[in-house]
C-alpha atoms as a PDB file:
ATOM      1  CA  MET A   1      74.406 -12.725 -16.384  1.00  0.00           C
ATOM      2  CA  ALA A   2      71.855  -9.961 -16.118  1.00  0.00           C
ATOM      3  CA  ALA A   3      69.279 -11.930 -18.126  1.00  0.00           C
ATOM      4  CA  ALA A   4      69.807 -14.874 -15.686  1.00  0.00           C
ATOM      5  CA  ILE A   5      69.194 -12.668 -12.791  1.00  0.00           C
ATOM      6  CA  GLU A   6      66.167 -11.025 -14.300  1.00  0.00           C
ATOM      7  CA  GLN A   7      64.527 -14.342 -14.997  1.00  0.00           C
ATOM      8  CA  THR A   8      65.521 -15.845 -11.554  1.00  0.00           C
ATOM      9  CA  ILE A   9      63.737 -12.690  -9.873  1.00  0.00           C
ATOM     10  CA  ILE A  10      60.652 -12.988 -12.055  1.00  0.00           C
ATOM     11  CA  ASP A  11      60.404 -16.960 -11.298  1.00  0.00           C
ATOM     12  CA  LEU A  12      61.054 -16.274  -7.617  1.00  0.00           C
ATOM     13  CA  PHE A  13      57.933 -14.016  -7.657  1.00  0.00           C
ATOM     14  CA  GLY A  14      55.862 -16.766  -9.236  1.00  0.00           C
ATOM     15  CA  VAL A  15      57.276 -19.369  -7.046  1.00  0.00           C
ATOM     16  CA  ILE A  16      56.425 -17.407  -3.760  1.00  0.00           C
ATOM     17  CA  TYR A  17      52.959 -16.466  -4.991  1.00  0.00           C
ATOM     18  CA  ARG A  18      52.105 -19.982  -6.263  1.00  0.00           C
ATOM     19  CA  ASN A  19      53.656 -22.107  -3.579  1.00  0.00           C
ATOM     20  CA  LEU A  20      53.458 -19.934  -0.354  1.00  0.00           C
ATOM     21  CA  VAL A  21      50.736 -17.348  -0.825  1.00  0.00           C
ATOM     22  CA  ARG A  22      48.114 -18.664  -3.076  1.00  0.00           C
ATOM     23  CA  GLU A  23      45.932 -21.580  -1.876  1.00  0.00           C
ATOM     24  CA  GLU A  24      45.351 -24.131  -4.764  1.00  0.00           C
ATOM     25  CA  ASN A  25      41.669 -23.294  -5.202  1.00  0.00           C
ATOM     26  CA  ASP A  26      42.198 -19.412  -5.132  1.00  0.00           C
ATOM     27  CA  TRP A  27      40.762 -17.441  -7.685  1.00  0.00           C
ATOM     28  CA  VAL A  28      42.160 -13.930  -8.848  1.00  0.00           C
ATOM     29  CA  GLU A  29      39.806 -11.213  -7.893  1.00  0.00           C
ATOM     30  CA  VAL A  30      40.139  -8.073  -9.950  1.00  0.00           C
ATOM     31  CA  GLY A  31      40.663  -4.977  -7.517  1.00  0.00           C
ATOM     32  CA  LYS A  32      41.665  -7.208  -4.726  1.00  0.00           C
ATOM     33  CA  ASP A  33      45.464  -6.645  -5.216  1.00  0.00           C
ATOM     34  CA  SER A  34      45.104  -2.739  -5.552  1.00  0.00           C
ATOM     35  CA  ARG A  35      42.820  -2.873  -2.527  1.00  0.00           C
ATOM     36  CA  ASN A  36      45.265  -4.782  -0.304  1.00  0.00           C
ATOM     37  CA  ALA A  37      48.171  -2.728  -1.617  1.00  0.00           C
ATOM     38  CA  ALA A  38      46.535   0.470  -0.479  1.00  0.00           C
ATOM     39  CA  LEU A  39      45.555  -0.815   2.924  1.00  0.00           C
ATOM     40  CA  SER A  40      49.066  -2.308   3.434  1.00  0.00           C
ATOM     41  CA  VAL A  41      50.719   1.092   2.385  1.00  0.00           C
ATOM     42  CA  LEU A  42      48.542   2.908   4.814  1.00  0.00           C
ATOM     43  CA  ARG A  43      49.191   0.466   7.598  1.00  0.00           C
ATOM     44  CA  ARG A  44      53.009   0.712   7.315  1.00  0.00           C
ATOM     45  CA  GLY A  45      53.330   4.468   6.518  1.00  0.00           C
ATOM     46  CA  GLY A  46      50.250   6.059   8.324  1.00  0.00           C
ATOM     47  CA  GLY A  47      48.137   8.429   6.467  1.00  0.00           C
ATOM     48  CA  CYS A  48      49.174  10.005   3.219  1.00  0.00           C
ATOM     49  CA  SER A  49      47.851  12.233   0.632  1.00  0.00           C
ATOM     50  CA  MET A  50      45.870  10.953  -2.431  1.00  0.00           C
ATOM     51  CA  SER A  51      48.676  11.906  -4.818  1.00  0.00           C
ATOM     52  CA  GLU A  52      51.444  10.257  -2.530  1.00  0.00           C
ATOM     53  CA  LEU A  53      49.343   7.109  -2.626  1.00  0.00           C
ATOM     54  CA  ALA A  54      48.653   7.314  -6.195  1.00  0.00           C
ATOM     55  CA  ARG A  55      52.394   7.553  -6.919  1.00  0.00           C
ATOM     56  CA  PHE A  56      53.339   4.930  -4.494  1.00  0.00           C
ATOM     57  CA  LEU A  57      51.006   2.406  -6.024  1.00  0.00           C
ATOM     58  CA  ARG A  58      51.772   3.736  -9.469  1.00  0.00           C
ATOM     59  CA  MET A  59      48.055   4.588 -10.149  1.00  0.00           C
ATOM     60  CA  THR A  60      46.356   7.527 -11.972  1.00  0.00           C
ATOM     61  CA  SER A  61      44.715  10.171  -9.836  1.00  0.00           C
ATOM     62  CA  ALA A  62      41.277   9.032 -11.288  1.00  0.00           C
ATOM     63  CA  ASN A  63      41.906   5.302 -10.408  1.00  0.00           C
ATOM     64  CA  ILE A  64      43.096   6.114  -6.914  1.00  0.00           C
ATOM     65  CA  THR A  65      40.015   8.297  -6.184  1.00  0.00           C
ATOM     66  CA  PHE A  66      37.998   5.516  -7.354  1.00  0.00           C
ATOM     67  CA  LEU A  67      39.715   2.987  -5.148  1.00  0.00           C
ATOM     68  CA  VAL A  68      39.686   5.287  -2.102  1.00  0.00           C
ATOM     69  CA  ASP A  69      35.967   5.947  -2.696  1.00  0.00           C
ATOM     70  CA  LYS A  70      35.235   2.255  -2.439  1.00  0.00           C
ATOM     71  CA  LEU A  71      37.604   1.726   0.614  1.00  0.00           C
ATOM     72  CA  GLN A  72      35.701   4.680   2.286  1.00  0.00           C
ATOM     73  CA  ALA A  73      32.357   3.272   1.454  1.00  0.00           C
ATOM     74  CA  GLN A  74      33.316  -0.031   3.001  1.00  0.00           C
ATOM     75  CA  GLY A  75      34.654   1.725   6.132  1.00  0.00           C
ATOM     76  CA  LEU A  76      38.229   0.902   5.788  1.00  0.00           C
ATOM     77  CA  VAL A  77      39.676   4.374   5.197  1.00  0.00           C
ATOM     78  CA  GLU A  78      38.671   7.952   6.014  1.00  0.00           C
ATOM     79  CA  ARG A  79      39.677  11.247   4.219  1.00  0.00           C
ATOM     80  CA  GLN A  80      40.677  14.257   6.315  1.00  0.00           C
ATOM     81  CA  ALA A  81      41.701  17.619   5.441  1.00  0.00           C
ATOM     82  CA  ASP A  82      45.410  18.263   5.549  1.00  0.00           C
ATOM     83  CA  PRO A  83      45.837  20.885   8.362  1.00  0.00           C
ATOM     84  CA  ASP A  84      48.926  22.493   6.746  1.00  0.00           C
ATOM     85  CA  ASP A  85      47.473  22.531   3.114  1.00  0.00           C
ATOM     86  CA  ARG A  86      43.817  22.733   2.531  1.00  0.00           C
ATOM     87  CA  ARG A  87      44.197  21.687  -0.921  1.00  0.00           C
ATOM     88  CA  ARG A  88      45.460  18.275   0.086  1.00  0.00           C
ATOM     89  CA  THR A  89      43.254  15.310   1.472  1.00  0.00           C
ATOM     90  CA  ILE A  90      44.913  12.757   3.726  1.00  0.00           C
ATOM     91  CA  VAL A  91      43.846   9.247   3.660  1.00  0.00           C
ATOM     92  CA  ASN A  92      44.014   7.246   6.849  1.00  0.00           C
ATOM     93  CA  LEU A  93      43.090   3.793   7.952  1.00  0.00           C
ATOM     94  CA  THR A  94      40.065   3.435  10.151  1.00  0.00           C
ATOM     95  CA  PRO A  95      40.223   0.756  12.843  1.00  0.00           C
ATOM     96  CA  SER A  96      38.184  -1.748  10.671  1.00  0.00           C
ATOM     97  CA  GLY A  97      40.760  -1.044   7.868  1.00  0.00           C
ATOM     98  CA  ARG A  98      43.635  -1.786  10.177  1.00  0.00           C
ATOM     99  CA  ASP A  99      42.013  -4.943  11.378  1.00  0.00           C
ATOM    100  CA  GLU A 100      41.346  -6.071   7.958  1.00  0.00           C
ATOM    101  CA  ILE A 101      44.884  -5.758   6.594  1.00  0.00           C
ATOM    102  CA  ASP A 102      46.220  -7.090   9.901  1.00  0.00           C
ATOM    103  CA  GLY A 103      44.057 -10.055   9.645  1.00  0.00           C
ATOM    104  CA  ARG A 104      45.070 -10.665   5.946  1.00  0.00           C
ATOM    105  CA  LYS A 105      48.819 -10.537   7.024  1.00  0.00           C
ATOM    106  CA  ARG A 106      48.153 -13.043   9.688  1.00  0.00           C
ATOM    107  CA  GLU A 107      46.348 -15.313   7.194  1.00  0.00           C
ATOM    108  CA  VAL A 108      49.122 -15.068   4.636  1.00  0.00           C
ATOM    109  CA  ALA A 109      51.800 -15.590   7.501  1.00  0.00           C
ATOM    110  CA  GLN A 110      49.919 -18.837   8.577  1.00  0.00           C
ATOM    111  CA  ARG A 111      49.788 -20.007   5.069  1.00  0.00           C
ATOM    112  CA  VAL A 112      53.310 -19.401   4.369  1.00  0.00           C
ATOM    113  CA  ARG A 113      54.377 -21.042   7.799  1.00  0.00           C
ATOM    114  CA  ARG A 114      52.310 -24.236   7.016  1.00  0.00           C
ATOM    115  CA  LYS A 115      53.653 -24.664   3.581  1.00  0.00           C
ATOM    116  CA  LEU A 116      57.365 -24.041   4.694  1.00  0.00           C
ATOM    117  CA  ALA A 117      56.932 -26.644   7.454  1.00  0.00           C
ATOM    118  CA  ALA A 118      56.956 -29.225   4.633  1.00  0.00           C
ATOM    119  CA  LEU A 119      60.697 -28.303   3.965  1.00  0.00           C
ATOM    120  CA  ALA A 120      63.542 -30.017   5.390  1.00  0.00           C
ATOM    121  CA  PRO A 121      65.026 -28.156   8.440  1.00  0.00           C
ATOM    122  CA  SER A 122      68.351 -27.603   6.545  1.00  0.00           C
ATOM    123  CA  ASP A 123      66.235 -26.031   3.666  1.00  0.00           C
ATOM    124  CA  ARG A 124      64.393 -23.856   6.091  1.00  0.00           C
ATOM    125  CA  ASP A 125      67.776 -22.669   7.781  1.00  0.00           C
ATOM    126  CA  TYR A 126      69.287 -21.878   4.415  1.00  0.00           C
ATOM    127  CA  LEU A 127      66.381 -19.794   3.436  1.00  0.00           C
ATOM    128  CA  LEU A 128      66.568 -17.901   6.737  1.00  0.00           C
ATOM    129  CA  GLN A 129      70.281 -17.301   6.158  1.00  0.00           C
ATOM    130  CA  THR A 130      70.001 -16.055   2.565  1.00  0.00           C
ATOM    131  CA  LEU A 131      66.759 -14.286   1.987  1.00  0.00           C
ATOM    132  CA  PRO A 132      67.690 -11.360   4.391  1.00  0.00           C
ATOM    133  CA  LYS A 133      70.524 -10.731   1.946  1.00  0.00           C
ATOM    134  CA  VAL A 134      68.333 -10.792  -1.121  1.00  0.00           C
ATOM    135  CA  MET A 135      65.985  -8.332   0.688  1.00  0.00           C
ATOM    136  CA  GLU A 136      68.802  -6.069   1.530  1.00  0.00           C
ATOM    137  CA  ILE A 137      70.227  -6.078  -2.029  1.00  0.00           C
ATOM    138  CA  LEU A 138      66.781  -5.571  -3.659  1.00  0.00           C
ATOM    139  CA  GLY A 139      66.164  -2.941  -1.045  1.00  0.00           C
ATOM    140  CA  HIS A 140      68.734  -0.877  -2.702  1.00  0.00           C
ATOM    141  CA  LEU A 141      66.745  -0.474  -5.830  1.00  0.00           C
ATOM    142  CA  TYR A 142      63.653   0.484  -3.960  1.00  0.00           C
ATOM    143  CA  SER A 143      65.420   3.409  -2.074  1.00  0.00           C
ATOM    144  CA  GLU A 144      67.065   4.444  -5.172  1.00  0.00           C
ATOM    145  CA  THR A 145      63.913   4.504  -7.273  1.00  0.00           C
ATOM    146  CA  THR A 146      60.945   5.308  -5.022  1.00  0.00           C
ATOM    147  CA  THR A 147      60.174   7.949  -2.779  1.00  0.00           C
ATOM    148  CA  ASN A 148      59.307   6.872   0.693  1.00  0.00           C
ATOM    149  CA  VAL A 149      55.589   7.684   1.351  1.00  0.00           C
ATOM    150  CA  ALA A 150      54.886   9.339   4.648  1.00  0.00           C
ATOM    151  CA  GLY A 151      57.699   7.441   6.374  1.00  0.00           C
ATOM    152  CA  GLY A 152      56.054   4.383   4.943  1.00  0.00           C
ATOM    153  CA  PRO A 153      57.216   1.000   3.657  1.00  0.00           C
ATOM    154  CA  GLN A 154      60.948   0.143   3.598  1.00  0.00           C
ATOM    155  CA  ALA A 155      62.095  -2.607   1.254  1.00  0.00           C
ATOM    156  CA  THR A 156      63.684  -4.406   4.210  1.00  0.00           C
ATOM    157  CA  GLY A 157      62.352  -5.563   7.372  1.00  0.00           C
ATOM    158  CA  GLY A 158      59.825  -8.189   6.112  1.00  0.00           C
ATOM    159  CA  GLN A 159      56.853  -5.923   6.427  1.00  0.00           C
ATOM    160  CA  SER A 160      55.408  -6.226   2.959  1.00  0.00           C
ATOM    161  CA  LEU A 161      52.323  -8.143   2.291  1.00  0.00           C
END
């Protein structure tokens, strides 16, 4: 039974990405996923320290430094000294970073909406009824295994990118 659930979840990720998120002519861009993930975390949770961001994204401190350097050079994030602990640096989105991730989310939502429109109304209704329960169940795993970064992303609520 567990193997069937594992395989179904793995397949679900592929189906969602392949059929709802990705356009047919999209190419995978190296670094794009970590870039969008970092911006999305900061958008949902507000500013957080470099170490919190690294832990949440499961990146090494060297990789998170490299990523934040790139995002800062692009004007998407800014570093600020933590007023409570001068050893910590807080990373925040700039207005440009917020606009970029909000635009990406709108783009993905439009793509998903357009593709779901091809489904029969009864299939869309069924998805609407069942997916919140799937998110709730899987959300229990998130809250048990991951520390919430800066009041950040929750596994439920449909906020992930």
